[in-house]
Amino acid sequence: MTAAGGFCKVPLPFATPTCSKYRGGGLISISPASPSPSPPALRLSSFQGLRLYSGRGIAVGATARARAGVNGASDTASFEPYLEEMDIVTFLDPPNDLIPLDPNSYNPAAYLWKKIGDIPEERRHRLLQLLNPRLISIAWEIAGTRYHDPKLVNKTASNILSDKDTSTPFQVFNCRTNGGPSLIAWMKYFKKAIFYGNNGNTYGRFIGGSIMGHFSNQSSPLYFEVTQTKEVMSTEQPCDLAYEFGDGLLDLDEYPSHFPKPVKHPYPFNDEVVIYIRHIGPGVLVGQAWQEGKKLDQVPQKLCGEILMVKEYAP
């Protein structure tokens, strides 16, 4: 992402800027030329401290970290984000002083899909640290505009259902949410593995990363079935997939190596929990978890905040 002279309008989901001409979706302007041979500073009103390194890498200042939600000890990015990654943060949380464009002139989901595609696969996992739960929720909403475009709606973030390659035992995704009830507080950061069953169906399981998560991995592995679904039952909003947890007892003869045998789910996962999935970019998904309940008169409620899922890079 570079900047040059001139002015243009850049499409963004909520407010969009009148800014220096960009290439690759950048929302920056280069400061006036200086006789100093050092690289020019890149200035952005909402990202003080953004500075170019070696042509592409950047270091993020305190304001940028605060907006990205990585100012906590456990969330602090231990890397120097690249401009492509910070494009996503700016796109989801633009400065208030940007001039909005006509929302009918572009599709925000298409723009987000392209910007995620600009990030090399081996770096996409960094979005888990750069995007806080509020921005993940915004990503879910933006992904909803994808269904307005017949061409875009056919794109998928993963070929897990369309190309059942038996030589690949499973696909792993790294995930982030804001946790939820104390019973599932270990779910702030976790992994999920998607695999093919010998009955032709697709399944998955959640793998916790904390101490409580490791205990749950063996005592109560959280298995679910992957199904194609077009609508979130509780809200009637569009989606692509559903992870149905059921009672946890899968009728399978074989499991991937080192996967534990399924047992009945503990509460609340035994109370008709379903996670609805939207594709938002290559290798990236966002989900909403709902506890729909076994009782007919039970009102469905969200189990936790939205969940960002990034496919693990496998060279």
C-alpha atoms as a PDB file:
ATOM      1  CA  MET A   1       0.000   0.000   0.000  1.00  0.00           C
ATOM      2  CA  THR A   2       1.502   3.301  -1.075  1.00  0.00           C
ATOM      3  CA  ALA A   3       0.320   6.839  -1.427  1.00  0.00           C
ATOM      4  CA  ALA A   4       0.878   9.605  -3.960  1.00  0.00           C
ATOM      5  CA  GLY A   5      -0.341  13.092  -4.752  1.00  0.00           C
ATOM      6  CA  GLY A   6      -3.910  13.852  -5.720  1.00  0.00           C
ATOM      7  CA  PHE A   7      -7.208  13.063  -4.082  1.00  0.00           C
ATOM      8  CA  CYS A   8      -9.741  10.254  -4.405  1.00  0.00           C
ATOM      9  CA  LYS A   9     -12.564   8.620  -2.549  1.00  0.00           C
ATOM     10  CA  VAL A  10     -12.010   5.163  -1.097  1.00  0.00           C
ATOM     11  CA  PRO A  11     -15.025   2.889  -0.393  1.00  0.00           C
ATOM     12  CA  LEU A  12     -15.401   1.947   3.266  1.00  0.00           C
ATOM     13  CA  PRO A  13     -18.303   0.300   5.118  1.00  0.00           C
ATOM     14  CA  PHE A  14     -19.497   3.165   7.260  1.00  0.00           C
ATOM     15  CA  ALA A  15     -17.526   6.363   6.708  1.00  0.00           C
ATOM     16  CA  THR A  16     -15.123   6.728   3.828  1.00  0.00           C
ATOM     17  CA  PRO A  17     -12.432   9.306   3.247  1.00  0.00           C
ATOM     18  CA  THR A  18     -11.397  11.975   0.874  1.00  0.00           C
ATOM     19  CA  CYS A  19      -7.722  11.127   1.023  1.00  0.00           C
ATOM     20  CA  SER A  20      -4.478  11.018  -0.870  1.00  0.00           C
ATOM     21  CA  LYS A  21      -4.519   8.781  -3.942  1.00  0.00           C
ATOM     22  CA  TYR A  22      -3.840   5.220  -2.896  1.00  0.00           C
ATOM     23  CA  ARG A  23      -2.885   1.869  -4.310  1.00  0.00           C
ATOM     24  CA  GLY A  24      -4.192  -1.271  -2.606  1.00  0.00           C
ATOM     25  CA  GLY A  25      -6.803   0.442  -0.426  1.00  0.00           C
ATOM     26  CA  GLY A  26      -4.417   2.562   1.657  1.00  0.00           C
ATOM     27  CA  LEU A  27      -5.857   5.394   3.717  1.00  0.00           C
ATOM     28  CA  ILE A  28      -2.666   7.416   4.108  1.00  0.00           C
ATOM     29  CA  SER A  29      -0.895  10.491   2.798  1.00  0.00           C
ATOM     30  CA  ILE A  30       2.837  10.992   2.526  1.00  0.00           C
ATOM     31  CA  SER A  31       4.261  14.034   4.292  1.00  0.00           C
ATOM     32  CA  PRO A  32       6.038  16.725   2.219  1.00  0.00           C
ATOM     33  CA  ALA A  33       9.399  15.850   0.768  1.00  0.00           C
ATOM     34  CA  SER A  34      12.329  16.249   3.123  1.00  0.00           C
ATOM     35  CA  PRO A  35      16.031  16.468   2.368  1.00  0.00           C
ATOM     36  CA  SER A  36      16.572  13.700   4.890  1.00  0.00           C
ATOM     37  CA  PRO A  37      17.334  10.312   3.280  1.00  0.00           C
ATOM     38  CA  SER A  38      15.243   8.460   5.880  1.00  0.00           C
ATOM     39  CA  PRO A  39      11.939   6.855   4.767  1.00  0.00           C
ATOM     40  CA  PRO A  40       8.951   9.246   4.827  1.00  0.00           C
ATOM     41  CA  ALA A  41       6.453   8.959   7.669  1.00  0.00           C
ATOM     42  CA  LEU A  42       2.985   7.726   6.770  1.00  0.00           C
ATOM     43  CA  ARG A  43       0.364   9.873   8.501  1.00  0.00           C
ATOM     44  CA  LEU A  44      -3.137   8.719   9.380  1.00  0.00           C
ATOM     45  CA  SER A  45      -5.282  10.634  11.865  1.00  0.00           C
ATOM     46  CA  SER A  46      -6.426   7.520  13.700  1.00  0.00           C
ATOM     47  CA  PHE A  47      -3.098   5.688  13.649  1.00  0.00           C
ATOM     48  CA  GLN A  48      -0.485   7.954  15.224  1.00  0.00           C
ATOM     49  CA  GLY A  49       2.909   6.276  15.170  1.00  0.00           C
ATOM     50  CA  LEU A  50       2.422   4.346  11.925  1.00  0.00           C
ATOM     51  CA  ARG A  51       5.844   4.335  10.239  1.00  0.00           C
ATOM     52  CA  LEU A  52       7.186   2.582   7.153  1.00  0.00           C
ATOM     53  CA  TYR A  53       9.983   0.042   7.543  1.00  0.00           C
ATOM     54  CA  SER A  54      11.851  -1.684   4.737  1.00  0.00           C
ATOM     55  CA  GLY A  55       9.197  -0.678   2.240  1.00  0.00           C
ATOM     56  CA  ARG A  56       6.391  -2.827   3.735  1.00  0.00           C
ATOM     57  CA  GLY A  57       6.622  -3.644   7.450  1.00  0.00           C
ATOM     58  CA  ILE A  58       5.399  -1.133  10.026  1.00  0.00           C
ATOM     59  CA  ALA A  59       5.541  -0.522  13.754  1.00  0.00           C
ATOM     60  CA  VAL A  60       2.274   0.452  15.421  1.00  0.00           C
ATOM     61  CA  GLY A  61       2.021   3.324  17.904  1.00  0.00           C
ATOM     62  CA  ALA A  62      -0.103   3.474  21.054  1.00  0.00           C
ATOM     63  CA  THR A  63      -3.165   4.964  19.337  1.00  0.00           C
ATOM     64  CA  ALA A  64      -3.148   2.274  16.669  1.00  0.00           C
ATOM     65  CA  ARG A  65      -2.896  -0.469  19.293  1.00  0.00           C
ATOM     66  CA  ALA A  66      -5.792   1.038  21.226  1.00  0.00           C
ATOM     67  CA  ARG A  67      -8.027   1.129  18.135  1.00  0.00           C
ATOM     68  CA  ALA A  68      -7.036  -2.402  17.155  1.00  0.00           C
ATOM     69  CA  GLY A  69      -7.659  -3.662  20.676  1.00  0.00           C
ATOM     70  CA  VAL A  70      -4.171  -5.031  21.291  1.00  0.00           C
ATOM     71  CA  ASN A  71      -3.246  -2.885  24.266  1.00  0.00           C
ATOM     72  CA  GLY A  72      -3.831  -5.622  26.857  1.00  0.00           C
ATOM     73  CA  ALA A  73      -0.951  -7.777  28.068  1.00  0.00           C
ATOM     74  CA  SER A  74      -2.360 -10.977  26.571  1.00  0.00           C
ATOM     75  CA  ASP A  75      -3.471  -9.294  23.343  1.00  0.00           C
ATOM     76  CA  THR A  76      -0.363  -7.275  22.530  1.00  0.00           C
ATOM     77  CA  ALA A  77       0.864  -8.046  19.048  1.00  0.00           C
ATOM     78  CA  SER A  78       4.356  -9.540  19.208  1.00  0.00           C
ATOM     79  CA  PHE A  79       5.003  -8.656  15.580  1.00  0.00           C
ATOM     80  CA  GLU A  80       5.204  -5.607  13.351  1.00  0.00           C
ATOM     81  CA  PRO A  81       1.925  -5.540  11.382  1.00  0.00           C
ATOM     82  CA  TYR A  82       2.142  -4.942   7.669  1.00  0.00           C
ATOM     83  CA  LEU A  83       0.149  -2.313   5.838  1.00  0.00           C
ATOM     84  CA  GLU A  84      -2.187  -4.943   4.342  1.00  0.00           C
ATOM     85  CA  GLU A  85      -3.156  -6.062   7.850  1.00  0.00           C
ATOM     86  CA  MET A  86      -3.692  -2.553   9.150  1.00  0.00           C
ATOM     87  CA  ASP A  87      -5.884  -1.894   6.073  1.00  0.00           C
ATOM     88  CA  ILE A  88      -8.360  -4.354   7.583  1.00  0.00           C
ATOM     89  CA  VAL A  89      -8.376  -2.532  10.942  1.00  0.00           C
ATOM     90  CA  THR A  90      -8.903   0.843   9.269  1.00  0.00           C
ATOM     91  CA  PHE A  91     -11.627  -0.564   7.037  1.00  0.00           C
ATOM     92  CA  LEU A  92     -13.558  -1.989  10.002  1.00  0.00           C
ATOM     93  CA  ASP A  93     -13.032   1.052  12.243  1.00  0.00           C
ATOM     94  CA  PRO A  94     -12.531   4.157  10.070  1.00  0.00           C
ATOM     95  CA  PRO A  95     -11.845   7.594  11.605  1.00  0.00           C
ATOM     96  CA  ASN A  96     -14.929   9.686  12.315  1.00  0.00           C
ATOM     97  CA  ASP A  97     -13.849  12.528  10.037  1.00  0.00           C
ATOM     98  CA  LEU A  98     -13.903  10.479   6.830  1.00  0.00           C
ATOM     99  CA  ILE A  99     -16.455  11.519   4.194  1.00  0.00           C
ATOM    100  CA  PRO A 100     -19.031   8.753   3.548  1.00  0.00           C
ATOM    101  CA  LEU A 101     -19.800   7.521   0.048  1.00  0.00           C
ATOM    102  CA  ASP A 102     -23.131   6.349  -1.245  1.00  0.00           C
ATOM    103  CA  PRO A 103     -23.528   2.835   0.243  1.00  0.00           C
ATOM    104  CA  ASN A 104     -25.159   1.723  -3.007  1.00  0.00           C
ATOM    105  CA  SER A 105     -21.994   2.472  -4.978  1.00  0.00           C
ATOM    106  CA  TYR A 106     -20.002  -0.503  -3.679  1.00  0.00           C
ATOM    107  CA  ASN A 107     -20.298  -3.734  -1.710  1.00  0.00           C
ATOM    108  CA  PRO A 108     -18.383  -3.575   1.611  1.00  0.00           C
ATOM    109  CA  ALA A 109     -18.120  -7.378   1.769  1.00  0.00           C
ATOM    110  CA  ALA A 110     -16.425  -7.460  -1.633  1.00  0.00           C
ATOM    111  CA  TYR A 111     -13.914  -4.849  -0.511  1.00  0.00           C
ATOM    112  CA  LEU A 112     -13.213  -6.753   2.732  1.00  0.00           C
ATOM    113  CA  TRP A 113     -12.799 -10.006   0.783  1.00  0.00           C
ATOM    114  CA  LYS A 114     -10.216  -8.397  -1.479  1.00  0.00           C
ATOM    115  CA  LYS A 115      -8.265  -6.845   1.402  1.00  0.00           C
ATOM    116  CA  ILE A 116      -8.082 -10.204   3.205  1.00  0.00           C
ATOM    117  CA  GLY A 117      -6.929 -11.794  -0.041  1.00  0.00           C
ATOM    118  CA  ASP A 118      -4.110  -9.234  -0.228  1.00  0.00           C
ATOM    119  CA  ILE A 119      -2.631 -10.627   3.001  1.00  0.00           C
ATOM    120  CA  PRO A 120      -0.318 -13.616   2.362  1.00  0.00           C
ATOM    121  CA  GLU A 121      -1.749 -16.819   3.814  1.00  0.00           C
ATOM    122  CA  GLU A 122       1.121 -17.229   6.258  1.00  0.00           C
ATOM    123  CA  ARG A 123       0.287 -13.844   7.852  1.00  0.00           C
ATOM    124  CA  ARG A 124      -3.493 -13.977   8.072  1.00  0.00           C
ATOM    125  CA  HIS A 125      -3.382 -15.424  11.586  1.00  0.00           C
ATOM    126  CA  ARG A 126      -2.216 -11.994  12.788  1.00  0.00           C
ATOM    127  CA  LEU A 127      -5.779 -10.733  12.358  1.00  0.00           C
ATOM    128  CA  LEU A 128      -6.641 -12.668  15.519  1.00  0.00           C
ATOM    129  CA  GLN A 129      -4.477 -10.279  17.539  1.00  0.00           C
ATOM    130  CA  LEU A 130      -5.204  -7.117  15.589  1.00  0.00           C
ATOM    131  CA  LEU A 131      -9.021  -7.358  15.691  1.00  0.00           C
ATOM    132  CA  ASN A 132     -10.740  -7.002  19.037  1.00  0.00           C
ATOM    133  CA  PRO A 133     -14.214  -8.464  19.680  1.00  0.00           C
ATOM    134  CA  ARG A 134     -15.960  -5.230  18.647  1.00  0.00           C
ATOM    135  CA  LEU A 135     -14.258  -5.269  15.244  1.00  0.00           C
ATOM    136  CA  ILE A 136     -15.052  -8.969  14.835  1.00  0.00           C
ATOM    137  CA  SER A 137     -18.729  -8.102  15.350  1.00  0.00           C
ATOM    138  CA  ILE A 138     -18.434  -5.396  12.687  1.00  0.00           C
ATOM    139  CA  ALA A 139     -16.875  -7.974  10.341  1.00  0.00           C
ATOM    140  CA  TRP A 140     -19.931 -10.195  10.861  1.00  0.00           C
ATOM    141  CA  GLU A 141     -22.254  -7.340   9.903  1.00  0.00           C
ATOM    142  CA  ILE A 142     -20.204  -6.394   6.837  1.00  0.00           C
ATOM    143  CA  ALA A 143     -20.156 -10.035   5.724  1.00  0.00           C
ATOM    144  CA  GLY A 144     -23.949  -9.845   5.637  1.00  0.00           C
ATOM    145  CA  THR A 145     -23.765  -7.539   2.597  1.00  0.00           C
ATOM    146  CA  ARG A 146     -22.054 -10.336   0.671  1.00  0.00           C
ATOM    147  CA  TYR A 147     -25.431 -11.973   0.075  1.00  0.00           C
ATOM    148  CA  HIS A 148     -26.542  -8.996  -2.026  1.00  0.00           C
ATOM    149  CA  ASP A 149     -24.040  -9.963  -4.747  1.00  0.00           C
ATOM    150  CA  PRO A 150     -24.860 -13.224  -6.606  1.00  0.00           C
ATOM    151  CA  LYS A 151     -21.221 -13.659  -7.679  1.00  0.00           C
ATOM    152  CA  LEU A 152     -19.757 -12.954  -4.262  1.00  0.00           C
ATOM    153  CA  VAL A 153     -22.184 -15.215  -2.446  1.00  0.00           C
ATOM    154  CA  ASN A 154     -20.766 -18.220  -4.299  1.00  0.00           C
ATOM    155  CA  LYS A 155     -17.243 -17.616  -2.975  1.00  0.00           C
ATOM    156  CA  THR A 156     -16.071 -19.723  -0.058  1.00  0.00           C
ATOM    157  CA  ALA A 157     -13.302 -19.203   2.466  1.00  0.00           C
ATOM    158  CA  SER A 158     -12.523 -22.927   2.544  1.00  0.00           C
ATOM    159  CA  ASN A 159     -13.146 -25.883   0.257  1.00  0.00           C
ATOM    160  CA  ILE A 160     -13.839 -28.153   3.208  1.00  0.00           C
ATOM    161  CA  LEU A 161     -17.297 -29.169   1.937  1.00  0.00           C
ATOM    162  CA  SER A 162     -16.794 -29.001  -1.829  1.00  0.00           C
ATOM    163  CA  ASP A 163     -13.464 -30.835  -2.150  1.00  0.00           C
ATOM    164  CA  LYS A 164     -13.305 -33.795   0.195  1.00  0.00           C
ATOM    165  CA  ASP A 165      -9.654 -34.681  -0.194  1.00  0.00           C
ATOM    166  CA  THR A 166      -9.200 -37.897   1.791  1.00  0.00           C
ATOM    167  CA  SER A 167      -5.425 -37.384   1.865  1.00  0.00           C
ATOM    168  CA  THR A 168      -5.941 -34.401   4.210  1.00  0.00           C
ATOM    169  CA  PRO A 169      -7.043 -35.760   7.617  1.00  0.00           C
ATOM    170  CA  PHE A 170      -8.360 -32.407   8.845  1.00  0.00           C
ATOM    171  CA  GLN A 171      -8.120 -28.625   8.503  1.00  0.00           C
ATOM    172  CA  VAL A 172      -7.176 -26.487  11.499  1.00  0.00           C
ATOM    173  CA  PHE A 173      -8.415 -22.958  12.199  1.00  0.00           C
ATOM    174  CA  ASN A 174      -7.233 -20.595  14.922  1.00  0.00           C
ATOM    175  CA  CYS A 175     -10.135 -18.788  16.562  1.00  0.00           C
ATOM    176  CA  ARG A 176     -10.835 -15.798  18.780  1.00  0.00           C
ATOM    177  CA  THR A 177     -13.964 -14.660  20.596  1.00  0.00           C
ATOM    178  CA  ASN A 178     -14.683 -12.542  23.655  1.00  0.00           C
ATOM    179  CA  GLY A 179     -15.352 -15.647  25.752  1.00  0.00           C
ATOM    180  CA  GLY A 180     -18.839 -15.535  27.181  1.00  0.00           C
ATOM    181  CA  PRO A 181     -20.248 -17.128  30.359  1.00  0.00           C
ATOM    182  CA  SER A 182     -17.744 -18.256  33.000  1.00  0.00           C
ATOM    183  CA  LEU A 183     -18.343 -21.886  32.006  1.00  0.00           C
ATOM    184  CA  ILE A 184     -16.736 -21.223  28.616  1.00  0.00           C
ATOM    185  CA  ALA A 185     -14.274 -18.466  29.551  1.00  0.00           C
ATOM    186  CA  TRP A 186     -11.468 -20.650  28.180  1.00  0.00           C
ATOM    187  CA  MET A 187     -12.850 -20.062  24.673  1.00  0.00           C
ATOM    188  CA  LYS A 188     -11.289 -16.635  24.183  1.00  0.00           C
ATOM    189  CA  TYR A 189      -8.552 -18.250  22.082  1.00  0.00           C
ATOM    190  CA  PHE A 190      -8.895 -21.801  20.787  1.00  0.00           C
ATOM    191  CA  LYS A 191      -8.549 -23.983  17.708  1.00  0.00           C
ATOM    192  CA  LYS A 192     -11.049 -25.922  15.664  1.00  0.00           C
ATOM    193  CA  ALA A 193     -10.351 -28.942  13.478  1.00  0.00           C
ATOM    194  CA  ILE A 194     -12.636 -29.880  10.570  1.00  0.00           C
ATOM    195  CA  PHE A 195     -12.518 -33.450   9.262  1.00  0.00           C
ATOM    196  CA  TYR A 196     -14.421 -35.842   7.009  1.00  0.00           C
ATOM    197  CA  GLY A 197     -16.355 -38.740   8.481  1.00  0.00           C
ATOM    198  CA  ASN A 198     -16.393 -42.195   6.920  1.00  0.00           C
ATOM    199  CA  ASN A 199     -20.149 -41.783   6.504  1.00  0.00           C
ATOM    200  CA  GLY A 200     -19.714 -38.944   3.989  1.00  0.00           C
ATOM    201  CA  ASN A 201     -20.525 -36.114   6.406  1.00  0.00           C
ATOM    202  CA  THR A 202     -18.227 -33.371   7.681  1.00  0.00           C
ATOM    203  CA  TYR A 203     -17.472 -32.885  11.378  1.00  0.00           C
ATOM    204  CA  GLY A 204     -15.281 -30.802  13.630  1.00  0.00           C
ATOM    205  CA  ARG A 205     -14.185 -30.236  17.214  1.00  0.00           C
ATOM    206  CA  PHE A 206     -13.049 -27.343  19.364  1.00  0.00           C
ATOM    207  CA  ILE A 207      -9.618 -27.589  20.969  1.00  0.00           C
ATOM    208  CA  GLY A 208      -9.008 -25.296  23.949  1.00  0.00           C
ATOM    209  CA  GLY A 209      -5.625 -23.648  24.442  1.00  0.00           C
ATOM    210  CA  SER A 210      -5.834 -22.816  28.163  1.00  0.00           C
ATOM    211  CA  ILE A 211      -5.349 -25.159  31.122  1.00  0.00           C
ATOM    212  CA  MET A 212      -9.123 -25.556  31.391  1.00  0.00           C
ATOM    213  CA  GLY A 213      -9.263 -26.073  27.654  1.00  0.00           C
ATOM    214  CA  HIS A 214      -6.697 -28.901  27.755  1.00  0.00           C
ATOM    215  CA  PHE A 215      -8.743 -30.631  30.450  1.00  0.00           C
ATOM    216  CA  SER A 216     -11.897 -30.228  28.359  1.00  0.00           C
ATOM    217  CA  ASN A 217     -10.117 -31.584  25.281  1.00  0.00           C
ATOM    218  CA  GLN A 218      -9.870 -35.024  26.868  1.00  0.00           C
ATOM    219  CA  SER A 219     -12.812 -35.165  29.276  1.00  0.00           C
ATOM    220  CA  SER A 220     -15.420 -33.468  27.065  1.00  0.00           C
ATOM    221  CA  PRO A 221     -14.204 -33.015  23.486  1.00  0.00           C
ATOM    222  CA  LEU A 222     -16.593 -30.640  21.773  1.00  0.00           C
ATOM    223  CA  TYR A 223     -17.548 -32.358  18.526  1.00  0.00           C
ATOM    224  CA  PHE A 224     -20.033 -30.893  16.059  1.00  0.00           C
ATOM    225  CA  GLU A 225     -21.437 -31.623  12.601  1.00  0.00           C
ATOM    226  CA  VAL A 226     -20.926 -29.162   9.728  1.00  0.00           C
ATOM    227  CA  THR A 227     -24.041 -28.546   7.657  1.00  0.00           C
ATOM    228  CA  GLN A 228     -24.937 -26.124   4.882  1.00  0.00           C
ATOM    229  CA  THR A 229     -27.443 -23.589   6.190  1.00  0.00           C
ATOM    230  CA  LYS A 230     -28.742 -20.402   4.612  1.00  0.00           C
ATOM    231  CA  GLU A 231     -30.236 -18.684   7.650  1.00  0.00           C
ATOM    232  CA  VAL A 232     -29.546 -18.034  11.332  1.00  0.00           C
ATOM    233  CA  MET A 233     -32.591 -19.558  12.974  1.00  0.00           C
ATOM    234  CA  SER A 234     -32.831 -17.001  15.792  1.00  0.00           C
ATOM    235  CA  THR A 235     -32.470 -13.853  13.676  1.00  0.00           C
ATOM    236  CA  GLU A 236     -33.392 -14.989  10.136  1.00  0.00           C
ATOM    237  CA  GLN A 237     -30.167 -13.403   8.883  1.00  0.00           C
ATOM    238  CA  PRO A 238     -28.286 -15.116   6.033  1.00  0.00           C
ATOM    239  CA  CYS A 239     -25.282 -17.369   6.623  1.00  0.00           C
ATOM    240  CA  ASP A 240     -23.353 -20.143   4.851  1.00  0.00           C
ATOM    241  CA  LEU A 241     -22.777 -22.971   7.324  1.00  0.00           C
ATOM    242  CA  ALA A 242     -23.831 -24.223  10.732  1.00  0.00           C
ATOM    243  CA  TYR A 243     -21.861 -26.128  13.369  1.00  0.00           C
ATOM    244  CA  GLU A 244     -24.460 -28.222  15.179  1.00  0.00           C
ATOM    245  CA  PHE A 245     -23.225 -29.584  18.504  1.00  0.00           C
ATOM    246  CA  GLY A 246     -26.169 -31.839  19.352  1.00  0.00           C
ATOM    247  CA  ASP A 247     -25.488 -34.222  22.228  1.00  0.00           C
ATOM    248  CA  GLY A 248     -21.854 -34.798  21.194  1.00  0.00           C
ATOM    249  CA  LEU A 249     -22.156 -38.503  20.406  1.00  0.00           C
ATOM    250  CA  LEU A 250     -21.098 -38.983  16.792  1.00  0.00           C
ATOM    251  CA  ASP A 251     -21.871 -42.261  15.057  1.00  0.00           C
ATOM    252  CA  LEU A 252     -18.445 -42.762  13.459  1.00  0.00           C
ATOM    253  CA  ASP A 253     -16.125 -45.756  13.288  1.00  0.00           C
ATOM    254  CA  GLU A 254     -12.927 -43.800  12.690  1.00  0.00           C
ATOM    255  CA  TYR A 255     -11.499 -40.489  13.867  1.00  0.00           C
ATOM    256  CA  PRO A 256      -8.325 -38.618  12.956  1.00  0.00           C
ATOM    257  CA  SER A 257      -5.215 -39.824  14.762  1.00  0.00           C
ATOM    258  CA  HIS A 258      -5.045 -38.801  18.451  1.00  0.00           C
ATOM    259  CA  PHE A 259      -8.621 -37.506  18.483  1.00  0.00           C
ATOM    260  CA  PRO A 260     -10.465 -38.666  21.639  1.00  0.00           C
ATOM    261  CA  LYS A 261     -13.677 -40.638  21.475  1.00  0.00           C
ATOM    262  CA  PRO A 262     -16.774 -38.437  21.759  1.00  0.00           C
ATOM    263  CA  VAL A 263     -18.776 -38.191  24.977  1.00  0.00           C
ATOM    264  CA  LYS A 264     -21.953 -36.318  25.839  1.00  0.00           C
ATOM    265  CA  HIS A 265     -21.499 -32.571  25.823  1.00  0.00           C
ATOM    266  CA  PRO A 266     -21.517 -30.697  29.158  1.00  0.00           C
ATOM    267  CA  TYR A 267     -23.780 -27.705  29.706  1.00  0.00           C
ATOM    268  CA  PRO A 268     -24.294 -25.368  27.868  1.00  0.00           C
ATOM    269  CA  PHE A 269     -23.150 -27.241  24.735  1.00  0.00           C
ATOM    270  CA  ASN A 270     -25.761 -29.939  25.305  1.00  0.00           C
ATOM    271  CA  ASP A 271     -28.556 -27.354  25.041  1.00  0.00           C
ATOM    272  CA  GLU A 272     -28.866 -27.240  21.242  1.00  0.00           C
ATOM    273  CA  VAL A 273     -25.881 -24.983  20.610  1.00  0.00           C
ATOM    274  CA  VAL A 274     -25.366 -23.946  16.975  1.00  0.00           C
ATOM    275  CA  ILE A 275     -22.611 -21.739  15.554  1.00  0.00           C
ATOM    276  CA  TYR A 276     -23.588 -20.041  12.311  1.00  0.00           C
ATOM    277  CA  ILE A 277     -20.778 -19.242   9.872  1.00  0.00           C
ATOM    278  CA  ARG A 278     -20.180 -16.574   7.240  1.00  0.00           C
ATOM    279  CA  HIS A 279     -17.283 -16.562   4.778  1.00  0.00           C
ATOM    280  CA  ILE A 280     -15.557 -13.154   4.844  1.00  0.00           C
ATOM    281  CA  GLY A 281     -12.347 -13.789   2.875  1.00  0.00           C
ATOM    282  CA  PRO A 282      -9.885 -16.450   1.717  1.00  0.00           C
ATOM    283  CA  GLY A 283      -9.220 -18.718   4.695  1.00  0.00           C
ATOM    284  CA  VAL A 284     -11.180 -16.476   7.097  1.00  0.00           C
ATOM    285  CA  LEU A 285     -14.607 -17.076   8.638  1.00  0.00           C
ATOM    286  CA  VAL A 286     -16.724 -15.307  11.236  1.00  0.00           C
ATOM    287  CA  GLY A 287     -19.361 -17.013  13.359  1.00  0.00           C
ATOM    288  CA  GLN A 288     -22.210 -16.406  15.801  1.00  0.00           C
ATOM    289  CA  ALA A 289     -22.856 -18.925  18.588  1.00  0.00           C
ATOM    290  CA  TRP A 290     -26.463 -19.445  19.720  1.00  0.00           C
ATOM    291  CA  GLN A 291     -27.883 -21.526  22.532  1.00  0.00           C
ATOM    292  CA  GLU A 292     -31.235 -22.389  21.024  1.00  0.00           C
ATOM    293  CA  GLY A 293     -32.416 -24.697  23.786  1.00  0.00           C
ATOM    294  CA  LYS A 294     -34.187 -28.041  23.934  1.00  0.00           C
ATOM    295  CA  LYS A 295     -37.400 -26.666  25.428  1.00  0.00           C
ATOM    296  CA  LEU A 296     -40.007 -25.481  22.947  1.00  0.00           C
ATOM    297  CA  ASP A 297     -40.709 -22.294  24.916  1.00  0.00           C
ATOM    298  CA  GLN A 298     -37.034 -21.457  25.464  1.00  0.00           C
ATOM    299  CA  VAL A 299     -35.903 -18.159  23.948  1.00  0.00           C
ATOM    300  CA  PRO A 300     -32.650 -18.553  21.972  1.00  0.00           C
ATOM    301  CA  GLN A 301     -29.756 -16.486  23.296  1.00  0.00           C
ATOM    302  CA  LYS A 302     -26.261 -15.752  22.085  1.00  0.00           C
ATOM    303  CA  LEU A 303     -23.727 -17.990  23.774  1.00  0.00           C
ATOM    304  CA  CYS A 304     -20.836 -15.577  23.251  1.00  0.00           C
ATOM    305  CA  GLY A 305     -19.750 -12.762  20.975  1.00  0.00           C
ATOM    306  CA  GLU A 306     -18.854 -13.246  17.340  1.00  0.00           C
ATOM    307  CA  ILE A 307     -15.967 -15.611  16.592  1.00  0.00           C
ATOM    308  CA  LEU A 308     -13.150 -14.938  14.128  1.00  0.00           C
ATOM    309  CA  MET A 309     -11.666 -18.082  12.542  1.00  0.00           C
ATOM    310  CA  VAL A 310      -8.485 -18.086  10.451  1.00  0.00           C
ATOM    311  CA  LYS A 311      -7.227 -21.163   8.629  1.00  0.00           C
ATOM    312  CA  GLU A 312      -3.855 -22.312   9.924  1.00  0.00           C
ATOM    313  CA  TYR A 313      -1.075 -21.960   7.386  1.00  0.00           C
ATOM    314  CA  ALA A 314       0.275 -25.309   6.193  1.00  0.00           C
ATOM    315  CA  PRO A 315       3.220 -24.956   3.743  1.00  0.00           C
END
